[in-house]
C-alpha atoms as a PDB file:
ATOM      1  CA  MET A   1     -20.383  13.501 -19.877  1.00  0.00           C
ATOM      2  CA  ALA A   2     -19.542  13.113 -23.430  1.00  0.00           C
ATOM      3  CA  ARG A   3     -16.775  10.598 -24.406  1.00  0.00           C
ATOM      4  CA  THR A   4     -13.686  11.956 -26.054  1.00  0.00           C
ATOM      5  CA  ALA A   5     -11.948   9.042 -27.833  1.00  0.00           C
ATOM      6  CA  ALA A   6      -8.788   8.773 -29.824  1.00  0.00           C
ATOM      7  CA  PRO A   7      -9.077   8.516 -33.416  1.00  0.00           C
ATOM      8  CA  ARG A   8      -9.875   4.927 -34.581  1.00  0.00           C
ATOM      9  CA  GLY A   9      -6.586   3.255 -35.572  1.00  0.00           C
ATOM     10  CA  ALA A  10      -4.565   5.289 -33.274  1.00  0.00           C
ATOM     11  CA  LYS A  11      -1.835   3.620 -31.439  1.00  0.00           C
ATOM     12  CA  ALA A  12      -1.527   5.679 -28.376  1.00  0.00           C
ATOM     13  CA  ALA A  13      -0.911   3.658 -25.181  1.00  0.00           C
ATOM     14  CA  ALA A  14      -3.185   4.105 -22.269  1.00  0.00           C
ATOM     15  CA  PRO A  15      -1.754   6.719 -19.944  1.00  0.00           C
ATOM     16  CA  GLY A  16      -0.591   5.370 -16.517  1.00  0.00           C
ATOM     17  CA  LEU A  17      -1.591   7.601 -13.560  1.00  0.00           C
ATOM     18  CA  PRO A  18      -1.264   7.497  -9.839  1.00  0.00           C
ATOM     19  CA  TRP A  19      -4.500   6.861  -7.837  1.00  0.00           C
ATOM     20  CA  HIS A  20      -5.277  10.457  -6.962  1.00  0.00           C
ATOM     21  CA  ALA A  21      -5.207  11.322 -10.648  1.00  0.00           C
ATOM     22  CA  ILE A  22      -8.161   9.055 -11.702  1.00  0.00           C
ATOM     23  CA  ARG A  23     -10.412  10.769 -14.262  1.00  0.00           C
ATOM     24  CA  PRO A  24     -13.240   9.813 -16.465  1.00  0.00           C
ATOM     25  CA  ALA A  25     -12.484   7.703 -19.569  1.00  0.00           C
ATOM     26  CA  PRO A  26     -14.384   5.197 -21.585  1.00  0.00           C
ATOM     27  CA  VAL A  27     -12.524   2.376 -19.872  1.00  0.00           C
ATOM     28  CA  VAL A  28     -10.297   2.775 -16.811  1.00  0.00           C
ATOM     29  CA  LEU A  29      -8.017  -0.128 -15.609  1.00  0.00           C
ATOM     30  CA  VAL A  30      -7.337   0.068 -12.010  1.00  0.00           C
ATOM     31  CA  SER A  31      -4.391  -2.268 -11.516  1.00  0.00           C
ATOM     32  CA  GLY A  32      -2.070  -3.387  -8.804  1.00  0.00           C
ATOM     33  CA  PRO A  33      -2.314  -5.101  -5.296  1.00  0.00           C
ATOM     34  CA  GLU A  34      -2.963  -2.195  -3.099  1.00  0.00           C
ATOM     35  CA  ASP A  35      -6.811  -2.609  -2.598  1.00  0.00           C
ATOM     36  CA  PHE A  36      -7.102   0.485  -0.224  1.00  0.00           C
ATOM     37  CA  LEU A  37      -5.629   2.734  -2.815  1.00  0.00           C
ATOM     38  CA  ALA A  38      -7.872   1.009  -5.541  1.00  0.00           C
ATOM     39  CA  ASP A  39     -11.014   1.360  -3.667  1.00  0.00           C
ATOM     40  CA  ARG A  40     -10.280   5.075  -2.828  1.00  0.00           C
ATOM     41  CA  ALA A  41      -9.441   5.838  -6.409  1.00  0.00           C
ATOM     42  CA  MET A  42     -12.761   4.197  -7.520  1.00  0.00           C
ATOM     43  CA  ARG A  43     -14.807   6.209  -4.833  1.00  0.00           C
ATOM     44  CA  LEU A  44     -13.034   9.282  -6.138  1.00  0.00           C
ATOM     45  CA  LEU A  45     -13.941   8.613  -9.636  1.00  0.00           C
ATOM     46  CA  ARG A  46     -17.682   7.904  -8.626  1.00  0.00           C
ATOM     47  CA  ASP A  47     -17.734  11.191  -6.654  1.00  0.00           C
ATOM     48  CA  ARG A  48     -16.546  13.202  -9.637  1.00  0.00           C
ATOM     49  CA  LEU A  49     -18.873  11.636 -12.118  1.00  0.00           C
ATOM     50  CA  LYS A  50     -21.739  12.370  -9.457  1.00  0.00           C
ATOM     51  CA  GLU A  51     -20.775  16.011  -9.330  1.00  0.00           C
ATOM     52  CA  GLN A  52     -21.036  16.062 -13.069  1.00  0.00           C
ATOM     53  CA  ASP A  53     -24.318  14.616 -13.182  1.00  0.00           C
ATOM     54  CA  PRO A  54     -26.337  13.515 -10.005  1.00  0.00           C
ATOM     55  CA  SER A  55     -28.495  11.014 -12.308  1.00  0.00           C
ATOM     56  CA  LEU A  56     -25.370   8.838 -12.546  1.00  0.00           C
ATOM     57  CA  GLU A  57     -26.219   5.135 -12.667  1.00  0.00           C
ATOM     58  CA  VAL A  58     -23.783   2.791 -10.853  1.00  0.00           C
ATOM     59  CA  HIS A  59     -23.579  -0.902 -11.514  1.00  0.00           C
ATOM     60  CA  ASP A  60     -21.356  -3.699 -10.207  1.00  0.00           C
ATOM     61  CA  VAL A  61     -20.329  -6.608 -12.032  1.00  0.00           C
ATOM     62  CA  ASP A  62     -18.154  -9.566 -10.812  1.00  0.00           C
ATOM     63  CA  ALA A  63     -15.805 -10.713 -13.628  1.00  0.00           C
ATOM     64  CA  ALA A  64     -15.205 -14.123 -11.768  1.00  0.00           C
ATOM     65  CA  THR A  65     -18.898 -15.040 -12.117  1.00  0.00           C
ATOM     66  CA  TYR A  66     -19.764 -12.995 -15.232  1.00  0.00           C
ATOM     67  CA  ALA A  67     -22.914 -13.882 -17.189  1.00  0.00           C
ATOM     68  CA  PRO A  68     -22.625 -13.621 -20.858  1.00  0.00           C
ATOM     69  CA  GLY A  69     -24.061 -10.368 -22.185  1.00  0.00           C
ATOM     70  CA  GLU A  70     -23.832  -8.532 -18.943  1.00  0.00           C
ATOM     71  CA  LEU A  71     -21.561  -5.788 -19.816  1.00  0.00           C
ATOM     72  CA  LEU A  72     -23.031  -4.999 -23.130  1.00  0.00           C
ATOM     73  CA  THR A  73     -26.539  -5.066 -21.581  1.00  0.00           C
ATOM     74  CA  LEU A  74     -25.588  -2.624 -18.831  1.00  0.00           C
ATOM     75  CA  ALA A  75     -23.726  -0.256 -21.266  1.00  0.00           C
ATOM     76  CA  SER A  76     -26.618  -0.290 -23.911  1.00  0.00           C
ATOM     77  CA  PRO A  77     -28.463   3.086 -24.343  1.00  0.00           C
ATOM     78  CA  SER A  78     -31.276   3.700 -21.709  1.00  0.00           C
ATOM     79  CA  LEU A  79     -34.639   5.480 -22.140  1.00  0.00           C
ATOM     80  CA  PHE A  80     -33.472   8.633 -20.564  1.00  0.00           C
ATOM     81  CA  ALA A  81     -29.811   8.389 -21.540  1.00  0.00           C
ATOM     82  CA  GLU A  82     -28.575   8.623 -18.013  1.00  0.00           C
ATOM     83  CA  PRO A  83     -24.632   8.572 -17.723  1.00  0.00           C
ATOM     84  CA  ARG A  84     -23.325   5.200 -16.196  1.00  0.00           C
ATOM     85  CA  LEU A  85     -20.592   3.988 -14.180  1.00  0.00           C
ATOM     86  CA  ILE A  86     -20.006   0.041 -14.392  1.00  0.00           C
ATOM     87  CA  ARG A  87     -17.486  -1.266 -11.764  1.00  0.00           C
ATOM     88  CA  VAL A  88     -16.061  -4.598 -12.686  1.00  0.00           C
ATOM     89  CA  GLY A  89     -14.213  -6.447  -9.874  1.00  0.00           C
ATOM     90  CA  HIS A  90     -12.122  -9.555  -9.761  1.00  0.00           C
ATOM     91  CA  VAL A  91     -10.815  -9.063 -13.258  1.00  0.00           C
ATOM     92  CA  GLU A  92      -7.821 -11.230 -12.224  1.00  0.00           C
ATOM     93  CA  LYS A  93     -10.134 -13.976 -11.819  1.00  0.00           C
ATOM     94  CA  CYS A  94     -12.414 -13.274 -14.916  1.00  0.00           C
ATOM     95  CA  THR A  95     -14.060 -15.904 -17.326  1.00  0.00           C
ATOM     96  CA  ASP A  96     -13.238 -16.329 -20.769  1.00  0.00           C
ATOM     97  CA  GLU A  97     -16.739 -14.978 -21.765  1.00  0.00           C
ATOM     98  CA  PHE A  98     -15.734 -11.756 -19.927  1.00  0.00           C
ATOM     99  CA  ILE A  99     -12.400 -11.285 -21.798  1.00  0.00           C
ATOM    100  CA  GLU A 100     -13.895 -11.809 -25.054  1.00  0.00           C
ATOM    101  CA  GLU A 101     -16.943  -9.562 -24.674  1.00  0.00           C
ATOM    102  CA  THR A 102     -14.839  -6.749 -23.043  1.00  0.00           C
ATOM    103  CA  LEU A 103     -12.540  -6.833 -25.978  1.00  0.00           C
ATOM    104  CA  ARG A 104     -15.465  -6.471 -28.375  1.00  0.00           C
ATOM    105  CA  TYR A 105     -16.746  -3.629 -26.211  1.00  0.00           C
ATOM    106  CA  LEU A 106     -13.288  -1.927 -26.178  1.00  0.00           C
ATOM    107  CA  ALA A 107     -13.477  -1.716 -29.904  1.00  0.00           C
ATOM    108  CA  SER A 108     -16.583   0.451 -29.674  1.00  0.00           C
ATOM    109  CA  PRO A 109     -17.293   1.891 -26.234  1.00  0.00           C
ATOM    110  CA  ALA A 110     -20.610   3.224 -25.255  1.00  0.00           C
ATOM    111  CA  ASP A 111     -21.134   7.151 -25.106  1.00  0.00           C
ATOM    112  CA  ASP A 112     -21.745   8.656 -21.569  1.00  0.00           C
ATOM    113  CA  THR A 113     -20.484   5.264 -19.920  1.00  0.00           C
ATOM    114  CA  VAL A 114     -17.313   4.662 -17.976  1.00  0.00           C
ATOM    115  CA  VAL A 115     -16.142   1.091 -17.310  1.00  0.00           C
ATOM    116  CA  VAL A 116     -13.832   0.525 -14.417  1.00  0.00           C
ATOM    117  CA  LEU A 117     -11.913  -2.662 -14.517  1.00  0.00           C
ATOM    118  CA  ARG A 118     -10.254  -3.663 -11.147  1.00  0.00           C
ATOM    119  CA  HIS A 119      -7.361  -6.189 -11.671  1.00  0.00           C
ATOM    120  CA  GLY A 120      -5.411  -7.222  -8.530  1.00  0.00           C
ATOM    121  CA  GLY A 121      -2.578  -8.824 -10.275  1.00  0.00           C
ATOM    122  CA  GLY A 122      -1.342 -11.835 -11.874  1.00  0.00           C
ATOM    123  CA  VAL A 123      -1.453 -13.199 -15.575  1.00  0.00           C
ATOM    124  CA  ARG A 124      -5.077 -13.964 -15.858  1.00  0.00           C
ATOM    125  CA  GLY A 125      -6.644 -11.716 -18.463  1.00  0.00           C
ATOM    126  CA  LYS A 126      -3.100 -10.716 -20.115  1.00  0.00           C
ATOM    127  CA  LYS A 127      -4.826 -10.529 -23.644  1.00  0.00           C
ATOM    128  CA  LEU A 128      -7.415  -8.050 -22.377  1.00  0.00           C
ATOM    129  CA  LEU A 129      -4.745  -6.226 -20.202  1.00  0.00           C
ATOM    130  CA  ASP A 130      -2.517  -5.641 -23.382  1.00  0.00           C
ATOM    131  CA  ALA A 131      -5.432  -4.420 -25.455  1.00  0.00           C
ATOM    132  CA  LEU A 132      -6.400  -1.934 -22.739  1.00  0.00           C
ATOM    133  CA  ARG A 133      -2.883  -0.692 -22.432  1.00  0.00           C
ATOM    134  CA  ALA A 134      -2.700  -0.300 -26.065  1.00  0.00           C
ATOM    135  CA  SER A 135      -6.140   1.627 -26.511  1.00  0.00           C
ATOM    136  CA  GLY A 136      -6.673   5.285 -26.974  1.00  0.00           C
ATOM    137  CA  ASP A 137      -9.813   4.942 -25.156  1.00  0.00           C
ATOM    138  CA  ALA A 138      -8.600   3.607 -21.736  1.00  0.00           C
ATOM    139  CA  ILE A 139      -6.397   4.981 -19.014  1.00  0.00           C
ATOM    140  CA  GLU A 140      -4.413   2.830 -16.197  1.00  0.00           C
ATOM    141  CA  ILE A 141      -4.467   3.639 -12.656  1.00  0.00           C
ATOM    142  CA  SER A 142      -1.547   2.009 -10.879  1.00  0.00           C
ATOM    143  CA  CYS A 143      -2.145   1.031  -7.242  1.00  0.00           C
ATOM    144  CA  ILE A 144       1.262  -0.464  -6.197  1.00  0.00           C
ATOM    145  CA  GLU A 145       1.722  -1.843  -2.624  1.00  0.00           C
ATOM    146  CA  LEU A 146       3.425   0.801  -0.305  1.00  0.00           C
ATOM    147  CA  LYS A 147       5.970  -1.454   1.368  1.00  0.00           C
ATOM    148  CA  GLY A 148       8.768   0.844   2.544  1.00  0.00           C
ATOM    149  CA  ASP A 149       8.613   3.264   5.318  1.00  0.00           C
ATOM    150  CA  GLN A 150       9.595   6.020   2.904  1.00  0.00           C
ATOM    151  CA  GLU A 151       6.681   5.215   0.528  1.00  0.00           C
ATOM    152  CA  ARG A 152       4.241   5.306   3.478  1.00  0.00           C
ATOM    153  CA  ALA A 153       5.893   8.480   4.681  1.00  0.00           C
ATOM    154  CA  ASP A 154       5.180  10.130   1.282  1.00  0.00           C
ATOM    155  CA  PHE A 155       1.558   8.906   1.555  1.00  0.00           C
ATOM    156  CA  VAL A 156       1.132  10.562   4.937  1.00  0.00           C
ATOM    157  CA  HIS A 157       2.724  13.881   3.742  1.00  0.00           C
ATOM    158  CA  ALA A 158       0.315  13.947   0.660  1.00  0.00           C
ATOM    159  CA  GLU A 159      -2.607  13.315   2.942  1.00  0.00           C
ATOM    160  CA  PHE A 160      -1.891  16.449   5.077  1.00  0.00           C
ATOM    161  CA  ARG A 161      -0.576  18.527   2.022  1.00  0.00           C
ATOM    162  CA  THR A 162      -3.838  17.889   0.332  1.00  0.00           C
ATOM    163  CA  ALA A 163      -5.863  19.059   3.272  1.00  0.00           C
ATOM    164  CA  GLY A 164      -3.692  22.100   3.552  1.00  0.00           C
ATOM    165  CA  ARG A 165      -2.195  21.229   6.970  1.00  0.00           C
ATOM    166  CA  ALA A 166       1.333  21.192   8.300  1.00  0.00           C
ATOM    167  CA  VAL A 167       2.837  18.007   9.892  1.00  0.00           C
ATOM    168  CA  THR A 168       6.328  17.589  11.231  1.00  0.00           C
ATOM    169  CA  PRO A 169       8.873  14.910  10.210  1.00  0.00           C
ATOM    170  CA  GLY A 170       8.650  13.453  13.627  1.00  0.00           C
ATOM    171  CA  ALA A 171       4.883  13.177  13.578  1.00  0.00           C
ATOM    172  CA  VAL A 172       5.146  11.360  10.109  1.00  0.00           C
ATOM    173  CA  ARG A 173       7.683   8.850  11.441  1.00  0.00           C
ATOM    174  CA  ALA A 174       5.412   8.282  14.546  1.00  0.00           C
ATOM    175  CA  LEU A 175       2.309   7.527  12.297  1.00  0.00           C
ATOM    176  CA  VAL A 176       4.227   5.126   9.980  1.00  0.00           C
ATOM    177  CA  THR A 177       5.596   3.303  12.788  1.00  0.00           C
ATOM    178  CA  ALA A 178       2.390   2.990  14.700  1.00  0.00           C
ATOM    179  CA  PHE A 179       0.378   1.982  11.478  1.00  0.00           C
ATOM    180  CA  SER A 180       2.943   0.133   9.416  1.00  0.00           C
ATOM    181  CA  ALA A 181       0.893  -3.026   8.853  1.00  0.00           C
ATOM    182  CA  ASP A 182      -2.386  -1.526   7.331  1.00  0.00           C
ATOM    183  CA  LEU A 183      -2.538   1.384   4.883  1.00  0.00           C
ATOM    184  CA  GLY A 184      -6.161   1.705   5.631  1.00  0.00           C
ATOM    185  CA  GLU A 185      -5.538   2.283   9.234  1.00  0.00           C
ATOM    186  CA  LEU A 186      -2.704   4.682   8.512  1.00  0.00           C
ATOM    187  CA  ALA A 187      -5.137   6.740   6.305  1.00  0.00           C
ATOM    188  CA  SER A 188      -7.845   6.713   9.083  1.00  0.00           C
ATOM    189  CA  ALA A 189      -5.281   7.891  11.663  1.00  0.00           C
ATOM    190  CA  CYS A 190      -4.356  10.802   9.346  1.00  0.00           C
ATOM    191  CA  ARG A 191      -8.177  11.575   8.993  1.00  0.00           C
ATOM    192  CA  GLN A 192      -8.870  11.571  12.534  1.00  0.00           C
ATOM    193  CA  LEU A 193      -5.997  13.985  13.386  1.00  0.00           C
ATOM    194  CA  LEU A 194      -7.241  16.217  10.543  1.00  0.00           C
ATOM    195  CA  ASP A 195     -10.627  16.102  11.827  1.00  0.00           C
ATOM    196  CA  ASP A 196     -10.047  16.503  15.514  1.00  0.00           C
ATOM    197  CA  THR A 197      -7.195  19.146  15.483  1.00  0.00           C
ATOM    198  CA  ASP A 198      -6.682  22.672  14.080  1.00  0.00           C
ATOM    199  CA  ASP A 199      -2.919  23.163  14.797  1.00  0.00           C
ATOM    200  CA  ASP A 200       0.102  21.803  13.065  1.00  0.00           C
ATOM    201  CA  ILE A 201       0.425  18.016  13.528  1.00  0.00           C
ATOM    202  CA  THR A 202       3.463  17.178  15.766  1.00  0.00           C
ATOM    203  CA  GLU A 203       4.732  14.134  17.652  1.00  0.00           C
ATOM    204  CA  VAL A 204       3.038  15.286  20.662  1.00  0.00           C
ATOM    205  CA  THR A 205      -0.209  15.337  18.884  1.00  0.00           C
ATOM    206  CA  VAL A 206       0.333  11.746  17.565  1.00  0.00           C
ATOM    207  CA  ASP A 207       1.312  10.621  20.968  1.00  0.00           C
ATOM    208  CA  LYS A 208      -1.733  12.170  22.437  1.00  0.00           C
ATOM    209  CA  TYR A 209      -4.011  10.221  20.119  1.00  0.00           C
ATOM    210  CA  TYR A 210      -2.027   7.138  19.454  1.00  0.00           C
ATOM    211  CA  GLY A 211       0.521   6.863  22.109  1.00  0.00           C
ATOM    212  CA  GLY A 212      -0.622   3.419  23.272  1.00  0.00           C
ATOM    213  CA  ARG A 213      -0.479   1.999  19.800  1.00  0.00           C
ATOM    214  CA  VAL A 214       2.972   3.341  19.137  1.00  0.00           C
ATOM    215  CA  GLU A 215       4.356   1.877  22.380  1.00  0.00           C
ATOM    216  CA  THR A 216       3.284  -1.651  21.518  1.00  0.00           C
ATOM    217  CA  THR A 217       4.344  -1.796  17.739  1.00  0.00           C
ATOM    218  CA  ALA A 218       6.775  -4.318  16.437  1.00  0.00           C
ATOM    219  CA  PHE A 219       9.269  -1.601  15.824  1.00  0.00           C
ATOM    220  CA  ASP A 220       9.427  -0.690  19.427  1.00  0.00           C
ATOM    221  CA  VAL A 221      10.056  -4.239  20.380  1.00  0.00           C
ATOM    222  CA  ALA A 222      12.925  -4.311  17.625  1.00  0.00           C
ATOM    223  CA  ASP A 223      14.277  -0.931  19.013  1.00  0.00           C
ATOM    224  CA  ALA A 224      14.604  -2.344  22.445  1.00  0.00           C
ATOM    225  CA  ALA A 225      16.167  -5.598  21.362  1.00  0.00           C
ATOM    226  CA  ILE A 226      18.801  -3.769  18.990  1.00  0.00           C
ATOM    227  CA  ALA A 227      19.557  -1.476  21.866  1.00  0.00           C
ATOM    228  CA  GLY A 228      20.353  -4.598  24.003  1.00  0.00           C
ATOM    229  CA  ARG A 229      17.429  -4.089  26.494  1.00  0.00           C
ATOM    230  CA  SER A 230      16.189  -7.561  26.299  1.00  0.00           C
ATOM    231  CA  GLY A 231      13.975  -7.323  29.374  1.00  0.00           C
ATOM    232  CA  ASP A 232      12.157  -4.374  27.994  1.00  0.00           C
ATOM    233  CA  ALA A 233      11.841  -6.043  24.398  1.00  0.00           C
ATOM    234  CA  LEU A 234      10.265  -9.185  25.963  1.00  0.00           C
ATOM    235  CA  VAL A 235       7.754  -7.189  27.866  1.00  0.00           C
ATOM    236  CA  LEU A 236       6.935  -5.052  24.810  1.00  0.00           C
ATOM    237  CA  LEU A 237       6.620  -8.444  22.940  1.00  0.00           C
ATOM    238  CA  ARG A 238       4.029  -9.722  25.383  1.00  0.00           C
ATOM    239  CA  HIS A 239       2.116  -6.561  25.225  1.00  0.00           C
ATOM    240  CA  ALA A 240       1.884  -6.473  21.698  1.00  0.00           C
ATOM    241  CA  LEU A 241       0.965 -10.178  21.352  1.00  0.00           C
ATOM    242  CA  GLU A 242      -1.734  -9.571  23.930  1.00  0.00           C
ATOM    243  CA  SER A 243      -2.956  -6.573  21.984  1.00  0.00           C
ATOM    244  CA  GLY A 244      -3.698  -8.996  18.975  1.00  0.00           C
ATOM    245  CA  ALA A 245      -0.425  -8.419  17.154  1.00  0.00           C
ATOM    246  CA  ASP A 246       0.574 -11.116  14.736  1.00  0.00           C
ATOM    247  CA  PRO A 247       3.889 -12.619  14.898  1.00  0.00           C
ATOM    248  CA  VAL A 248       4.704 -12.596  11.202  1.00  0.00           C
ATOM    249  CA  PRO A 249       4.941  -8.624  10.840  1.00  0.00           C
ATOM    250  CA  ILE A 250       6.739  -8.509  14.083  1.00  0.00           C
ATOM    251  CA  VAL A 251       9.464 -10.623  12.522  1.00  0.00           C
ATOM    252  CA  ALA A 252       9.118  -8.517   9.446  1.00  0.00           C
ATOM    253  CA  ALA A 253       9.889  -5.297  11.388  1.00  0.00           C
ATOM    254  CA  PHE A 254      13.095  -6.880  12.850  1.00  0.00           C
ATOM    255  CA  ALA A 255      14.071  -8.075   9.298  1.00  0.00           C
ATOM    256  CA  MET A 256      13.561  -4.482   7.937  1.00  0.00           C
ATOM    257  CA  LYS A 257      15.769  -2.839  10.767  1.00  0.00           C
ATOM    258  CA  LEU A 258      18.460  -5.470  10.553  1.00  0.00           C
ATOM    259  CA  ARG A 259      18.535  -5.159   6.671  1.00  0.00           C
ATOM    260  CA  ALA A 260      19.086  -1.428   6.986  1.00  0.00           C
ATOM    261  CA  MET A 261      21.827  -1.760   9.469  1.00  0.00           C
ATOM    262  CA  ALA A 262      23.613  -4.462   7.164  1.00  0.00           C
ATOM    263  CA  LYS A 263      23.360  -2.058   4.305  1.00  0.00           C
ATOM    264  CA  VAL A 264      25.041   1.017   6.101  1.00  0.00           C
ATOM    265  CA  VAL A 265      27.697  -0.914   8.051  1.00  0.00           C
ATOM    266  CA  GLY A 266      31.042   0.370   6.830  1.00  0.00           C
ATOM    267  CA  MET A 267      29.654   2.685   4.354  1.00  0.00           C
ATOM    268  CA  ARG A 268      31.198   6.207   4.074  1.00  0.00           C
ATOM    269  CA  GLY A 269      29.377   9.330   3.276  1.00  0.00           C
ATOM    270  CA  GLY A 270      26.434  11.527   4.574  1.00  0.00           C
ATOM    271  CA  GLY A 271      22.988  10.301   5.123  1.00  0.00           C
ATOM    272  CA  GLY A 272      21.759  12.275   2.028  1.00  0.00           C
ATOM    273  CA  GLU A 273      24.485  10.787  -0.244  1.00  0.00           C
ATOM    274  CA  LEU A 274      24.008   7.247   0.997  1.00  0.00           C
ATOM    275  CA  ALA A 275      20.160   7.521   0.903  1.00  0.00           C
ATOM    276  CA  GLY A 276      20.294   7.687  -2.882  1.00  0.00           C
ATOM    277  CA  ARG A 277      22.676   4.942  -3.378  1.00  0.00           C
ATOM    278  CA  LEU A 278      20.904   2.593  -1.038  1.00  0.00           C
ATOM    279  CA  GLY A 279      17.218   3.276  -1.631  1.00  0.00           C
ATOM    280  CA  MET A 280      16.669   4.670   1.665  1.00  0.00           C
ATOM    281  CA  ALA A 281      15.417   7.968   3.369  1.00  0.00           C
ATOM    282  CA  PRO A 282      18.259   9.979   4.808  1.00  0.00           C
ATOM    283  CA  TRP A 283      16.671   9.600   8.445  1.00  0.00           C
ATOM    284  CA  GLN A 284      16.702   5.890   7.826  1.00  0.00           C
ATOM    285  CA  VAL A 285      20.469   5.835   7.044  1.00  0.00           C
ATOM    286  CA  ASP A 286      21.134   7.804  10.120  1.00  0.00           C
ATOM    287  CA  ARG A 287      19.051   5.717  12.309  1.00  0.00           C
ATOM    288  CA  ALA A 288      20.711   2.365  10.872  1.00  0.00           C
ATOM    289  CA  ARG A 289      24.055   3.934  11.558  1.00  0.00           C
ATOM    290  CA  ARG A 290      23.013   4.594  15.112  1.00  0.00           C
ATOM    291  CA  ASP A 291      21.345   1.227  15.579  1.00  0.00           C
ATOM    292  CA  GLY A 292      24.660  -0.625  14.224  1.00  0.00           C
ATOM    293  CA  GLN A 293      27.215   0.982  16.534  1.00  0.00           C
ATOM    294  CA  GLY A 294      28.980  -1.877  18.376  1.00  0.00           C
ATOM    295  CA  TRP A 295      27.772  -4.422  16.087  1.00  0.00           C
ATOM    296  CA  THR A 296      30.421  -6.830  14.389  1.00  0.00           C
ATOM    297  CA  ASP A 297      29.891  -8.283  10.851  1.00  0.00           C
ATOM    298  CA  ASP A 298      29.716 -11.838  12.285  1.00  0.00           C
ATOM    299  CA  GLY A 299      27.044 -10.688  14.849  1.00  0.00           C
ATOM    300  CA  LEU A 300      25.044  -9.183  12.081  1.00  0.00           C
ATOM    301  CA  ALA A 301      25.363 -12.499  10.049  1.00  0.00           C
ATOM    302  CA  THR A 302      24.172 -14.495  13.125  1.00  0.00           C
ATOM    303  CA  VAL A 303      21.187 -12.297  13.682  1.00  0.00           C
ATOM    304  CA  ILE A 304      20.009 -12.265  10.191  1.00  0.00           C
ATOM    305  CA  GLU A 305      20.016 -16.192   9.956  1.00  0.00           C
ATOM    306  CA  THR A 306      18.210 -16.175  13.218  1.00  0.00           C
ATOM    307  CA  ILE A 307      15.552 -13.817  11.967  1.00  0.00           C
ATOM    308  CA  ALA A 308      15.132 -16.127   8.796  1.00  0.00           C
ATOM    309  CA  GLU A 309      14.692 -19.094  11.021  1.00  0.00           C
ATOM    310  CA  THR A 310      12.032 -17.212  13.139  1.00  0.00           C
ATOM    311  CA  ASP A 311      10.393 -16.117  10.023  1.00  0.00           C
ATOM    312  CA  ALA A 312       9.997 -19.882   8.934  1.00  0.00           C
ATOM    313  CA  ALA A 313       8.944 -20.720  12.552  1.00  0.00           C
ATOM    314  CA  VAL A 314       6.030 -18.202  12.830  1.00  0.00           C
ATOM    315  CA  LYS A 315       4.672 -19.278   9.424  1.00  0.00           C
ATOM    316  CA  GLY A 316       4.415 -22.791  10.431  1.00  0.00           C
ATOM    317  CA  ALA A 317       7.783 -24.462  10.629  1.00  0.00           C
ATOM    318  CA  GLY A 318       7.786 -24.414  14.350  1.00  0.00           C
ATOM    319  CA  ARG A 319       5.581 -25.452  17.026  1.00  0.00           C
ATOM    320  CA  ASP A 320       5.709 -22.444  19.292  1.00  0.00           C
ATOM    321  CA  PRO A 321       5.903 -18.953  17.559  1.00  0.00           C
ATOM    322  CA  VAL A 322       6.130 -17.123  20.843  1.00  0.00           C
ATOM    323  CA  TYR A 323       9.322 -18.941  21.929  1.00  0.00           C
ATOM    324  CA  ALA A 324      10.792 -18.487  18.550  1.00  0.00           C
ATOM    325  CA  LEU A 325      10.293 -14.712  18.876  1.00  0.00           C
ATOM    326  CA  GLU A 326      11.651 -14.641  22.392  1.00  0.00           C
ATOM    327  CA  ARG A 327      14.822 -16.537  21.354  1.00  0.00           C
ATOM    328  CA  MET A 328      15.288 -14.091  18.379  1.00  0.00           C
ATOM    329  CA  ILE A 329      15.085 -11.086  20.708  1.00  0.00           C
ATOM    330  CA  LEU A 330      17.529 -12.540  23.201  1.00  0.00           C
ATOM    331  CA  ILE A 331      19.953 -13.403  20.351  1.00  0.00           C
ATOM    332  CA  ILE A 332      19.615  -9.677  18.982  1.00  0.00           C
ATOM    333  CA  ALA A 333      20.016  -8.183  22.388  1.00  0.00           C
ATOM    334  CA  ASP A 334      23.270 -10.050  22.689  1.00  0.00           C
ATOM    335  CA  ARG A 335      24.114  -8.681  19.018  1.00  0.00           C
ATOM    336  CA  GLY A 336      24.556 -12.225  17.742  1.00  0.00           C
ATOM    337  CA  ILE A 337      27.417 -12.968  20.242  1.00  0.00           C
END
């Protein structure tokens, strides 16, 4: 596992790569807030290094409680010259000693050693991050949070494409809807479908495995309320809460749908055309248009204000989060009138 470094004095910036393109390098910076993708990237790197040499030594370091000399000791040549992987966590909480010693290490990385630095975000360690990004001996793996439905849908498509399996758009939407709050759960659901089935993945397949989960998601509560079915929405809300759903992401689901409706109201053009202009997927544009039929501008404004009030209430400003949710549902079901 010989090291290939840029010439000394070179000013090439550390290449930025997506999580699935992680590869060995003297120093690897895994940055961004999405812990699931970061963990998966680091496991992928470990597995690849193990394939190259089963004698790989793996060491873990906590930058938040770093002991002076720890990195240099672990990276120093061993008797049998085994390759090493040094994984450093909590770099966003690192000590001053860690910054200084890692900067010295970066000036002359050890052969047959890969150091992975996990930085979850924030300004701590900026001097070190800047040096890594300017180094020819480092690469950066970006693990940004997948917030939108389209980003999560792209993730699902990639999971099945990598496995060589076909998945229908309806099945992707059902999975994203059912597991919108946790990327790890979404990935696990994809893996279970891949392991337990042989045919193409369709909505029927997803419903067979996760129908109960889909029926009690925040988005189903929102769909019922937006359609004016207040009774159904309240029943679904109670079911979701009794199943352990948190009020905060429920409000977030309503906010997402109402924001989409507000974006497309009065807009002319096809779904594909508007999708690019509005930063939405074509199916999201079409769905928001359908949802917004019969709504007035004043009604939308009233509901958006109500959602903001409810968001504050469920985050501690109110004494009864469930009452706030029920009130929001009734106002939405009446289209803010």
